[in-house]
Protein backbone atom coordinates (compact mmCIF):
# COMPACT_ATOMS: atom_id res chain seq x y z
CA UNK A 1 0.00 0.00 0.00
CA UNK A 2 1.42 3.35 -1.02
CA UNK A 3 2.44 5.91 1.59
CA UNK A 4 0.49 9.03 2.47
CA UNK A 5 2.98 11.89 2.65
CA UNK A 6 2.67 15.51 3.75
CA UNK A 7 5.90 17.39 3.06
CA UNK A 8 6.55 21.00 4.01
CA UNK A 9 8.69 23.11 1.69
CA UNK A 10 9.94 26.07 3.70
CA UNK A 11 11.70 27.59 0.69
CA UNK A 12 13.90 30.62 1.56
CA UNK A 13 12.24 31.28 4.90
CA UNK A 14 13.17 31.19 8.61
CA UNK A 15 16.45 31.91 10.34
CA UNK A 16 18.16 28.94 11.95
CA UNK A 17 16.64 29.73 15.36
CA UNK A 18 13.18 30.20 13.84
CA UNK A 19 13.50 26.97 11.87
CA UNK A 20 14.52 24.94 14.91
CA UNK A 21 11.60 26.36 16.88
CA UNK A 22 9.14 25.59 14.06
CA UNK A 23 10.48 22.05 13.65
CA UNK A 24 10.15 21.39 17.37
CA UNK A 25 6.59 22.68 17.32
CA UNK A 26 5.67 20.38 14.44
CA UNK A 27 7.40 17.39 16.01
CA UNK A 28 5.69 17.98 19.37
CA UNK A 29 2.26 18.44 17.78
CA UNK A 30 2.66 15.26 15.75
CA UNK A 31 3.64 13.40 18.91
CA UNK A 32 0.72 14.83 20.90
CA UNK A 33 -2.05 14.64 18.31
CA UNK A 34 -0.87 11.93 15.97
CA UNK A 35 -0.45 11.82 12.22
CA UNK A 36 -2.74 8.89 11.29
CA UNK A 37 -0.04 6.89 9.49
CA UNK A 38 1.01 9.92 7.42
CA UNK A 39 4.71 10.35 6.63
CA UNK A 40 5.60 13.90 7.75
CA UNK A 41 8.54 15.61 6.03
CA UNK A 42 10.10 19.02 6.68
CA UNK A 43 11.92 20.54 3.69
CA UNK A 44 14.28 23.07 5.26
CA UNK A 45 17.06 25.35 4.00
CA UNK A 46 20.48 23.69 3.81
CA UNK A 47 21.66 25.68 6.85
CA UNK A 48 18.97 24.08 9.00
CA UNK A 49 19.19 20.41 8.06
CA UNK A 50 21.50 19.05 10.76
CA UNK A 51 19.95 21.14 13.54
CA UNK A 52 16.39 20.26 12.56
CA UNK A 53 17.27 16.56 12.29
CA UNK A 54 18.52 16.77 15.88
CA UNK A 55 15.54 18.82 17.08
CA UNK A 56 12.76 16.52 15.85
CA UNK A 57 11.80 12.95 16.65
CA UNK A 58 13.02 11.27 13.46
CA UNK A 59 10.74 8.31 14.09
CA UNK A 60 7.80 10.68 13.53
CA UNK A 61 9.16 13.48 11.33
CA UNK A 62 11.61 13.17 8.43
CA UNK A 63 13.85 15.91 7.09
CA UNK A 64 14.38 16.93 3.47
CA UNK A 65 16.71 19.20 1.55
CA UNK A 66 15.11 21.45 -1.07
CA UNK A 67 17.75 20.80 -3.71
CA UNK A 68 21.17 19.20 -4.20
CA UNK A 69 24.25 19.56 -6.37
CA UNK A 70 24.41 17.84 -9.74
CA UNK A 71 27.92 16.62 -8.95
CA UNK A 72 29.07 14.21 -6.24
CA UNK A 73 31.89 16.48 -4.99
CA UNK A 74 34.66 18.76 -6.17
CA UNK A 75 35.36 22.37 -7.09
CA UNK A 76 31.76 23.57 -7.23
CA UNK A 77 31.73 26.58 -4.92
CA UNK A 78 28.48 27.06 -3.05
CA UNK A 79 27.00 23.69 -3.95
CA UNK A 80 25.76 21.08 -1.44
CA UNK A 81 26.27 17.44 -2.39
CA UNK A 82 23.96 14.53 -1.66
CA UNK A 83 26.56 12.98 0.65
CA UNK A 84 26.62 16.22 2.65
CA UNK A 85 22.84 16.14 2.85
CA UNK A 86 22.79 12.50 3.89
CA UNK A 87 25.31 13.20 6.64
CA UNK A 88 22.92 15.66 8.33
CA UNK A 89 20.24 13.03 8.96
CA UNK A 90 18.01 14.17 6.09
CA UNK A 91 16.40 11.37 4.09
CA UNK A 92 14.54 13.23 1.32
CA UNK A 93 15.50 15.75 -1.38
CA UNK A 94 13.01 17.93 -3.29
CA UNK A 95 14.05 18.04 -6.96
CA UNK A 96 12.72 19.78 -10.06
CA UNK A 97 10.63 22.38 -8.25
CA UNK A 98 9.23 24.91 -10.70
CA UNK A 99 11.11 27.72 -8.99
CA UNK A 100 14.40 25.88 -9.54
CA UNK A 101 13.52 25.32 -13.19
CA UNK A 102 12.37 28.91 -13.79
CA UNK A 103 14.77 31.00 -11.70
CA UNK A 104 17.87 28.81 -11.90
CA UNK A 105 17.30 27.28 -15.34
CA UNK A 106 17.54 23.67 -14.25
CA UNK A 107 17.22 21.39 -17.25
CA UNK A 108 16.15 17.79 -17.60
CA UNK A 109 19.81 16.86 -18.10
CA UNK A 110 20.71 18.46 -14.77
CA UNK A 111 17.78 16.85 -13.00
CA UNK A 112 18.70 13.41 -14.33
CA UNK A 113 22.09 13.78 -12.64
CA UNK A 114 20.53 14.96 -9.38
CA UNK A 115 17.99 12.14 -9.26
CA UNK A 116 20.69 9.54 -9.91
CA UNK A 117 23.00 10.95 -7.23
CA UNK A 118 20.16 11.17 -4.71
CA UNK A 119 19.15 7.55 -5.24
CA UNK A 120 22.77 6.37 -5.15
CA UNK A 121 23.14 7.96 -1.72
CA UNK A 122 20.02 6.20 -0.45
CA UNK A 123 17.92 9.34 -0.24
CA UNK A 124 14.36 9.66 -1.55
CA UNK A 125 13.72 12.21 -4.30
CA UNK A 126 10.46 14.13 -4.21
CA UNK A 127 10.34 14.88 -7.91
CA UNK A 128 8.23 17.85 -9.03
CA UNK A 129 6.42 18.34 -12.30
CA UNK A 130 3.71 20.72 -13.45
CA UNK A 131 2.62 23.34 -15.94
CA UNK A 132 2.34 27.13 -16.15
CA UNK A 133 -0.97 28.93 -16.61
CA UNK A 134 -0.49 29.49 -20.36
CA UNK A 135 -0.03 25.74 -20.87
CA UNK A 136 -3.12 24.95 -18.81
CA UNK A 137 -5.18 27.51 -20.72
CA UNK A 138 -3.97 26.05 -24.03
CA UNK A 139 -5.17 22.62 -22.92
CA UNK A 140 -1.75 21.01 -23.37
CA UNK A 141 -0.96 20.33 -19.71
CA UNK A 142 -1.04 16.54 -20.09
CA UNK A 143 1.47 16.56 -22.94
CA UNK A 144 3.70 18.97 -21.03
CA UNK A 145 3.78 16.90 -17.84
CA UNK A 146 4.27 13.70 -19.83
CA UNK A 147 7.33 15.24 -21.52
CA UNK A 148 8.76 16.33 -18.15
CA UNK A 149 8.50 12.77 -16.84
CA UNK A 150 9.74 11.13 -20.03
CA UNK A 151 12.86 13.30 -20.08
CA UNK A 152 13.79 12.54 -16.48
CA UNK A 153 12.40 9.94 -14.08
CA UNK A 154 11.11 7.65 -16.83
CA UNK A 155 14.78 7.03 -17.62
CA UNK A 156 15.05 5.12 -14.34
CA UNK A 157 14.90 1.37 -13.98
CA UNK A 158 11.68 -0.01 -12.52
CA UNK A 159 13.54 -0.72 -9.28
CA UNK A 160 14.80 2.86 -8.93
CA UNK A 161 11.53 4.42 -10.02
CA UNK A 162 9.87 2.54 -7.20
CA UNK A 163 11.99 4.53 -4.73
CA UNK A 164 10.85 8.01 -5.74
CA UNK A 165 7.89 10.25 -4.87
CA UNK A 166 6.18 12.40 -7.52
CA UNK A 167 4.75 15.83 -6.71
CA UNK A 168 2.45 17.53 -9.20
CA UNK A 169 2.56 21.30 -8.80
CA UNK A 170 0.45 23.44 -11.14
CA UNK A 171 2.69 26.51 -11.32
CA UNK A 172 -0.33 28.77 -11.66
CA UNK A 173 -1.45 27.69 -8.17
CA UNK A 174 1.82 28.19 -6.25
CA UNK A 175 1.81 31.14 -3.88
CA UNK A 176 -1.06 32.75 -5.78
CA UNK A 177 -3.88 31.74 -3.48
CA UNK A 178 -5.38 30.06 -6.53
CA UNK A 179 -5.82 26.31 -6.19
CA UNK A 180 -6.58 23.64 -8.71
CA UNK A 181 -9.98 22.19 -7.99
CA UNK A 182 -9.93 18.78 -6.38
CA UNK A 183 -11.16 17.34 -9.69
CA UNK A 184 -8.42 19.10 -11.70
CA UNK A 185 -5.80 17.77 -9.30
CA UNK A 186 -7.29 14.27 -9.34
CA UNK A 187 -7.45 14.24 -13.14
CA UNK A 188 -3.76 15.08 -13.47
CA UNK A 189 -2.60 12.66 -10.79
CA UNK A 190 -4.71 9.92 -12.35
CA UNK A 191 -3.11 10.72 -15.71
CA UNK A 192 0.39 10.54 -14.17
CA UNK A 193 -0.43 7.19 -12.59
CA UNK A 194 -1.64 5.88 -15.95
CA UNK A 195 1.63 7.01 -17.55
CA UNK A 196 3.60 5.16 -14.87
CA UNK A 197 1.57 2.00 -15.49
CA UNK A 198 2.24 2.19 -19.23
CA UNK A 199 5.95 2.84 -18.74
CA UNK A 200 6.50 0.26 -15.98
CA UNK A 201 3.53 -1.76 -14.74
CA UNK A 202 0.32 -1.53 -12.74
CA UNK A 203 1.95 -2.62 -9.48
CA UNK A 204 4.58 0.14 -9.61
CA UNK A 205 1.91 2.68 -10.52
CA UNK A 206 -0.28 1.53 -7.65
CA UNK A 207 2.60 1.80 -5.15
CA UNK A 208 3.90 5.23 -6.26
CA UNK A 209 3.01 8.08 -3.92
CA UNK A 210 1.91 11.11 -5.94
CA UNK A 211 1.47 14.40 -4.08
CA UNK A 212 -0.37 17.60 -4.94
CA UNK A 213 1.48 20.88 -4.46
CA UNK A 214 -0.26 24.19 -5.03
CA UNK A 215 -1.77 26.39 -2.31
CA UNK A 216 -2.93 23.46 -0.22
CA UNK A 217 -4.33 24.73 3.08
CA UNK A 218 -6.30 23.50 6.11
CA UNK A 219 -9.44 24.70 4.32
CA UNK A 220 -9.06 22.53 1.21
CA UNK A 221 -6.75 19.68 2.29
CA UNK A 222 -9.51 17.26 3.25
CA UNK A 223 -11.28 17.65 -0.09
CA UNK A 224 -8.02 17.26 -2.02
CA UNK A 225 -6.84 14.27 0.00
CA UNK A 226 -10.18 12.51 -0.42
CA UNK A 227 -9.41 12.02 -4.11
CA UNK A 228 -8.30 8.45 -4.93
CA UNK A 229 -5.01 9.34 -6.62
CA UNK A 230 -3.85 12.15 -4.31
CA UNK A 231 -1.50 10.66 -1.73
CA UNK A 232 -0.70 13.84 0.17
CA UNK A 233 0.76 17.25 -0.44
CA UNK A 234 3.90 19.29 -0.97
CA UNK A 235 3.01 22.27 1.19
CA UNK A 236 4.52 25.75 0.87
CA UNK A 237 3.26 28.68 2.93
CA UNK A 238 1.03 26.66 5.24
CA UNK A 239 4.02 24.59 6.37
CA UNK A 240 5.50 27.68 8.04
CA UNK A 241 2.75 27.63 10.69
CA UNK A 242 2.84 24.53 12.87
CA UNK A 243 -0.90 24.47 13.61
CA UNK A 244 -1.83 24.88 9.93
CA UNK A 245 0.64 22.20 8.90
CA UNK A 246 -0.75 19.78 11.49
CA UNK A 247 -4.28 20.48 10.30
CA UNK A 248 -3.22 19.49 6.78
CA UNK A 249 -1.46 16.37 8.10
CA UNK A 250 -4.64 15.40 9.93
CA UNK A 251 -6.88 16.12 6.94
CA UNK A 252 -6.83 12.37 6.24
């Protein structure tokens, strides 16, 4: 049975002290009020990883980096390798986020390297895909997302693909307050699952956790998570407030 996952993506927010305090709040709330068999993940800035991994109960809350280097090591000033990430206690890495693609021009070639390095280090990639508003309005969102997957994670062996998490993020619904309807989200996640089945097999498709990321909040989480192909969320702004994040976790 595939995992239900609620992952917070803090992006470029919180100082180290603020991040530790937030992580402790989340960890304590999960311990007190439960998470109903939901895998809880905190995607923190690189500077926070080791401290947050120490601050939380890792049996209840996992830690994720928001990116990684495309090289294993070497003269790449400012980069953070997957082995560095693994050494902090983090177990997940968010890859392919639309902001990384748009602002930092990450290509499919680059992402292929990052996915391979992440898997080789024993970390779990949360791999993002999704379309901009113009693509949605043109009605070509399915073809666009299919191409994103075909150029990257569909290059993996069946065994390695079975180790990743997919996150669908409609770019037009990130940080805009605009959310895909539960039916729009379900339709795309169902489409992605069908693509996985065609590429690999039905069992792998059935076991793959596919998350929705796009202005998910306590107000709409229950409706979104009630859809058969939505296995959780990649949460942005709402993950910066412990009570809101817990409400989303408990929306199942």
